[in-house]
Structures are given as C-alpha cells and as structure tokens.
Amino acid sequence: MKKFLFVIATFLFGAGAAFGQAFPNYPTVGVPANTQCLSYGNNGVCNQYRPAGPNTLTGNETIPADTNTANGQNPQTVLVTSSLFAGGYGNATIASTTGTTAAVQAADGVGTYVYTGAGTATYTSFKLPANPIQNQKFCLANAGSGVLTLTAVAAAANSYGNTPTVTGVTPTSLPVMTAFGTAGTVTLGSNCWLYQTAANNTGVWYRVQ
C-alpha cells in the first residue's frame, strides 16, 4: 500500500507539470480564471488563460494510476477516486493569535488546524471546512503553551447553501500537549472529525477523536 501511495504521489506531484502541459485546457483546483497563462502574444501579453477551476475537490474525481502488476497481469491501469486519499487530504493552517477570537473558520482544503500561541486562546465559534470531500479527516490541535478553549464547534454552510451535521460530543477545551504516557488523566491535545457526504454535500461530520 505504501508503494502504491508513493506511485500516486509521484504521479500527482512529480508529473503534475507534465500532465498540465499535456492537457492545457484542463482547469486547476483552487486556481481562479485569468491566472494561469497558456500562451503569450505581442509584447508578452497573455492571450489565452486556463479556465477557472473548482474551489475544492468533491471526492468524486478519478485519477489514472498504474498498478505495476507483475507479468503483465490485468488490470495494468485503474481509476482511483480522490475520496480514497481523503484521510491524508488537506493543507494545514497555523494560528498563533492568543486571547478571544469571535469566529474562526477553517478554510476548504485544510485537513489540520494548529493553534501555536504563546498563551491561552478562546474561539467563541469554530467552524469546520465548508466544502469537505468524502472521507476527509479534519483535526484541530493545540501545539501552543496555553489551553485552547472552544465555546462552540459547528459546520459551515457549503456552496449549496446547506449546513452539514456535526455528531459527537463537542470538545470545550484542548489542553497543552503532554508527553505520551505522562498524564495522570488522559486529555486530548487534538480533536478530529471524519466527514461522510450526502446529496448536495448535506453530510455529517463525525467526531472520531
């Protein structure tokens, strides 16, 4: 499995530029219009741009991949849905602002939100990414030096105008991380949710940690 994932990662990142050149009219996820120039005219002025891409993945995309099956056994090539990679999907947001923040919105495409402040912080409203993909795991972690207090954790309204459900006990605070095995009482310095989609992304965020 590690080898398979490495092959996919190599395809996505190592060969991504070549793939983009081979399919110049394909939009790029998260890239707006009039951003990626495909050709230049007189005086170096762009005369053709790549179309705007969607803001996020949906989990329904398919990625071609070689199976590397020995002795030419079939199938040699398969299509992999992006939802299979959702457990490791997403960028990270690092937030160091201390004190009280009225509203914090985790951006689309983020899989880990890390508080790193030198002191305590309070989020009176923390919202999970608005447009997650199937099987996306999202974690909120405290890597700072003070307690991170949460007044509320909710789902954000998605691009369809719907708000997914959040299921599970809402954490009220994330303590400072401790060395593994040293805490007398188990406390979680991070909490995670797993998303399961439904029609028009009216899915459910399940707390899994």
Protein backbone atom coordinates (compact mmCIF):
# COMPACT_ATOMS: atom_id res chain seq x y z
CA MET A 1 0.00 0.00 0.00
CA LYS A 2 2.85 2.40 0.82
CA LYS A 3 4.38 1.71 -2.57
CA PHE A 4 1.03 2.29 -4.26
CA LEU A 5 0.53 5.59 -2.46
CA PHE A 6 4.07 6.61 -3.36
CA VAL A 7 3.35 5.90 -7.02
CA ILE A 8 0.20 8.01 -6.85
CA ALA A 9 2.01 10.84 -5.08
CA THR A 10 4.76 10.75 -7.67
CA PHE A 11 2.18 10.95 -10.41
CA LEU A 12 0.33 13.82 -8.80
CA PHE A 13 3.29 15.94 -7.77
CA GLY A 14 6.27 14.83 -9.79
CA ALA A 15 4.47 14.51 -13.09
CA GLY A 16 1.87 17.16 -12.37
CA ALA A 17 3.55 19.80 -14.50
CA ALA A 18 3.86 17.47 -17.49
CA PHE A 19 0.24 16.44 -17.09
CA GLY A 20 -0.80 20.08 -17.05
CA GLN A 21 1.13 20.74 -20.23
CA ALA A 22 -0.42 17.72 -21.92
CA PHE A 23 -3.92 18.93 -21.02
CA PRO A 24 -3.59 22.71 -21.10
CA ASN A 25 -7.31 23.41 -21.19
CA TYR A 26 -7.99 21.48 -18.00
CA PRO A 27 -8.73 23.80 -15.05
CA THR A 28 -6.71 23.53 -11.83
CA VAL A 29 -8.46 23.04 -8.49
CA GLY A 30 -8.36 26.20 -6.42
CA VAL A 31 -7.00 28.41 -9.22
CA PRO A 32 -9.25 31.25 -10.46
CA ALA A 33 -9.65 32.45 -14.03
CA ASN A 34 -7.07 34.72 -15.68
CA THR A 35 -4.32 33.26 -13.52
CA GLN A 36 -2.51 30.53 -15.48
CA CYS A 37 -1.38 31.80 -18.89
CA LEU A 38 -1.26 29.23 -21.69
CA SER A 39 0.18 31.41 -24.44
CA TYR A 40 1.59 34.88 -24.93
CA GLY A 41 1.17 37.31 -27.83
CA ASN A 42 2.86 40.54 -28.77
CA ASN A 43 4.85 42.33 -26.08
CA GLY A 44 4.49 39.35 -23.78
CA VAL A 45 0.77 39.90 -23.23
CA CYS A 46 -1.20 36.76 -22.35
CA ASN A 47 -3.80 35.92 -24.96
CA GLN A 48 -5.09 32.64 -23.53
CA TYR A 49 -5.69 31.56 -19.95
CA ARG A 50 -6.54 28.20 -18.45
CA PRO A 51 -10.21 28.09 -17.32
CA ALA A 52 -11.03 28.65 -13.67
CA GLY A 53 -11.01 25.51 -11.56
CA PRO A 54 -13.41 24.48 -8.79
CA ASN A 55 -12.51 25.72 -5.32
CA THR A 56 -12.20 22.26 -3.78
CA LEU A 57 -12.34 18.57 -4.57
CA THR A 58 -15.63 16.73 -4.15
CA GLY A 59 -14.28 13.21 -3.66
CA ASN A 60 -15.79 12.02 -6.94
CA GLU A 61 -12.77 12.84 -9.11
CA THR A 62 -10.92 9.92 -10.73
CA ILE A 63 -7.14 9.70 -11.12
CA PRO A 64 -5.50 7.22 -13.52
CA ALA A 65 -2.84 5.04 -11.89
CA ASP A 66 -0.56 2.18 -12.94
CA THR A 67 -0.97 -0.93 -10.77
CA ASN A 68 2.50 -2.27 -11.63
CA THR A 69 1.07 -5.78 -11.56
CA ALA A 70 3.77 -8.36 -12.36
CA ASN A 71 3.97 -10.33 -15.58
CA GLY A 72 1.53 -8.10 -17.40
CA GLN A 73 -1.44 -9.31 -15.35
CA ASN A 74 -4.58 -7.23 -15.64
CA PRO A 75 -5.56 -4.67 -14.77
CA GLN A 76 -2.45 -2.66 -15.55
CA THR A 77 -4.24 0.68 -15.18
CA VAL A 78 -7.06 1.66 -12.84
CA LEU A 79 -9.01 4.78 -11.95
CA VAL A 80 -8.72 5.87 -8.31
CA THR A 81 -11.34 8.14 -6.75
CA SER A 82 -9.94 11.07 -4.81
CA SER A 83 -12.04 10.09 -1.78
CA LEU A 84 -9.64 7.18 -1.16
CA PHE A 85 -6.93 9.69 -0.29
CA ALA A 86 -9.11 11.85 1.93
CA GLY A 87 -7.61 10.51 5.16
CA GLY A 88 -4.36 12.22 4.22
CA TYR A 89 -6.01 15.07 2.37
CA GLY A 90 -5.54 18.73 3.03
CA ASN A 91 -3.22 21.56 3.86
CA ALA A 92 -2.52 22.90 7.34
CA THR A 93 -3.36 26.21 8.96
CA ILE A 94 -1.09 27.53 11.71
CA ALA A 95 -2.73 30.06 14.05
CA SER A 96 -0.81 31.83 16.83
CA THR A 97 -3.23 34.60 17.90
CA THR A 98 -3.93 34.50 21.63
CA GLY A 99 -6.90 35.93 23.51
CA THR A 100 -10.52 35.71 22.41
CA THR A 101 -11.43 35.34 18.74
CA ALA A 102 -15.10 35.74 17.94
CA ALA A 103 -15.23 33.45 14.92
CA VAL A 104 -12.73 31.07 13.35
CA GLN A 105 -13.47 29.41 10.00
CA ALA A 106 -11.28 26.55 8.80
CA ALA A 107 -10.74 27.02 5.08
CA ASP A 108 -11.66 24.50 2.41
CA GLY A 109 -8.82 22.14 1.61
CA VAL A 110 -7.44 22.25 5.17
CA GLY A 111 -7.01 18.96 7.00
CA THR A 112 -5.27 20.20 10.15
CA TYR A 113 -5.73 23.43 12.07
CA VAL A 114 -2.97 24.01 14.64
CA TYR A 115 -3.01 26.55 17.45
CA THR A 116 0.56 27.57 18.34
CA GLY A 117 0.06 30.63 20.53
CA ALA A 118 2.28 31.53 23.48
CA GLY A 119 -0.60 31.63 25.93
CA THR A 120 -4.28 30.81 26.14
CA ALA A 121 -6.88 31.41 23.46
CA THR A 122 -10.66 31.18 23.18
CA TYR A 123 -12.60 30.50 20.00
CA THR A 124 -16.20 31.52 20.61
CA SER A 125 -17.22 29.92 17.30
CA PHE A 126 -15.12 27.38 15.41
CA LYS A 127 -16.44 26.14 12.08
CA LEU A 128 -15.24 23.10 10.17
CA PRO A 129 -14.42 23.42 6.43
CA ALA A 130 -17.50 24.33 4.39
CA ASN A 131 -16.88 22.02 1.43
CA PRO A 132 -15.15 18.82 2.57
CA ILE A 133 -14.77 15.69 0.46
CA GLN A 134 -15.91 12.15 1.25
CA ASN A 135 -13.76 10.55 3.99
CA GLN A 136 -11.95 13.80 4.75
CA LYS A 137 -10.46 13.86 8.22
CA PHE A 138 -10.10 17.22 9.92
CA CYS A 139 -8.14 17.75 13.14
CA LEU A 140 -7.93 20.73 15.47
CA ALA A 141 -4.73 20.59 17.52
CA ASN A 142 -3.19 22.60 20.34
CA ALA A 143 0.58 22.91 19.92
CA GLY A 144 0.76 26.12 21.95
CA SER A 145 1.72 26.82 25.54
CA GLY A 146 -1.77 27.51 26.88
CA VAL A 147 -5.23 25.96 26.88
CA LEU A 148 -7.36 26.47 23.77
CA THR A 149 -10.98 26.98 24.86
CA LEU A 150 -13.85 26.23 22.47
CA THR A 151 -17.26 27.74 23.06
CA ALA A 152 -18.84 26.01 20.05
CA VAL A 153 -17.85 23.77 17.14
CA ALA A 154 -20.14 23.75 14.11
CA ALA A 155 -20.21 23.01 10.40
CA ALA A 156 -20.10 25.88 7.93
CA ALA A 157 -22.71 26.35 5.21
CA ASN A 158 -21.46 24.82 1.95
CA SER A 159 -21.59 26.06 -1.62
CA TYR A 160 -25.09 24.57 -1.98
CA GLY A 161 -26.32 26.69 0.92
CA ASN A 162 -26.63 23.62 3.16
CA THR A 163 -25.08 23.08 6.57
CA PRO A 164 -23.81 19.56 7.37
CA THR A 165 -24.45 17.98 10.76
CA VAL A 166 -21.79 17.62 13.46
CA THR A 167 -22.19 14.44 15.52
CA GLY A 168 -20.41 13.62 18.75
CA VAL A 169 -19.56 15.39 21.99
CA THR A 170 -18.32 18.92 21.37
CA PRO A 171 -14.89 19.49 22.98
CA THR A 172 -14.83 22.52 25.29
CA SER A 173 -11.07 22.86 25.60
CA LEU A 174 -7.86 21.48 24.21
CA PRO A 175 -5.08 21.28 26.82
CA VAL A 176 -1.38 21.80 26.30
CA MET A 177 0.21 18.71 24.77
CA THR A 178 1.91 16.38 27.24
CA ALA A 179 4.49 13.69 26.69
CA PHE A 180 2.84 10.39 25.82
CA GLY A 181 2.08 8.34 28.90
CA THR A 182 2.90 11.04 31.45
CA ALA A 183 -0.60 12.41 32.06
CA GLY A 184 -2.43 11.02 35.08
CA THR A 185 -5.73 11.55 33.27
CA VAL A 186 -5.97 11.17 29.53
CA THR A 187 -6.53 14.54 27.90
CA LEU A 188 -6.65 15.21 24.21
CA GLY A 189 -4.49 17.97 22.78
CA SER A 190 -6.21 17.41 19.44
CA ASN A 191 -9.69 16.51 18.29
CA CYS A 192 -10.65 15.11 14.90
CA TRP A 193 -13.77 14.71 12.80
CA LEU A 194 -14.45 12.48 9.76
CA TYR A 195 -16.78 13.62 7.00
CA GLN A 196 -19.30 11.43 5.20
CA THR A 197 -21.01 13.17 2.32
CA ALA A 198 -24.60 13.06 1.07
CA ALA A 199 -26.64 14.73 -1.68
CA ASN A 200 -25.59 18.36 -2.23
CA ASN A 201 -22.92 17.79 0.42
CA THR A 202 -25.51 17.66 3.20
CA GLY A 203 -23.34 15.17 5.03
CA VAL A 204 -22.20 14.53 8.57
CA TRP A 205 -19.02 15.36 10.46
CA TYR A 206 -18.42 12.54 12.96
CA ARG A 207 -16.12 13.19 15.88
CA VAL A 208 -13.59 10.35 15.83
CA GLN A 209 -11.06 11.58 18.39
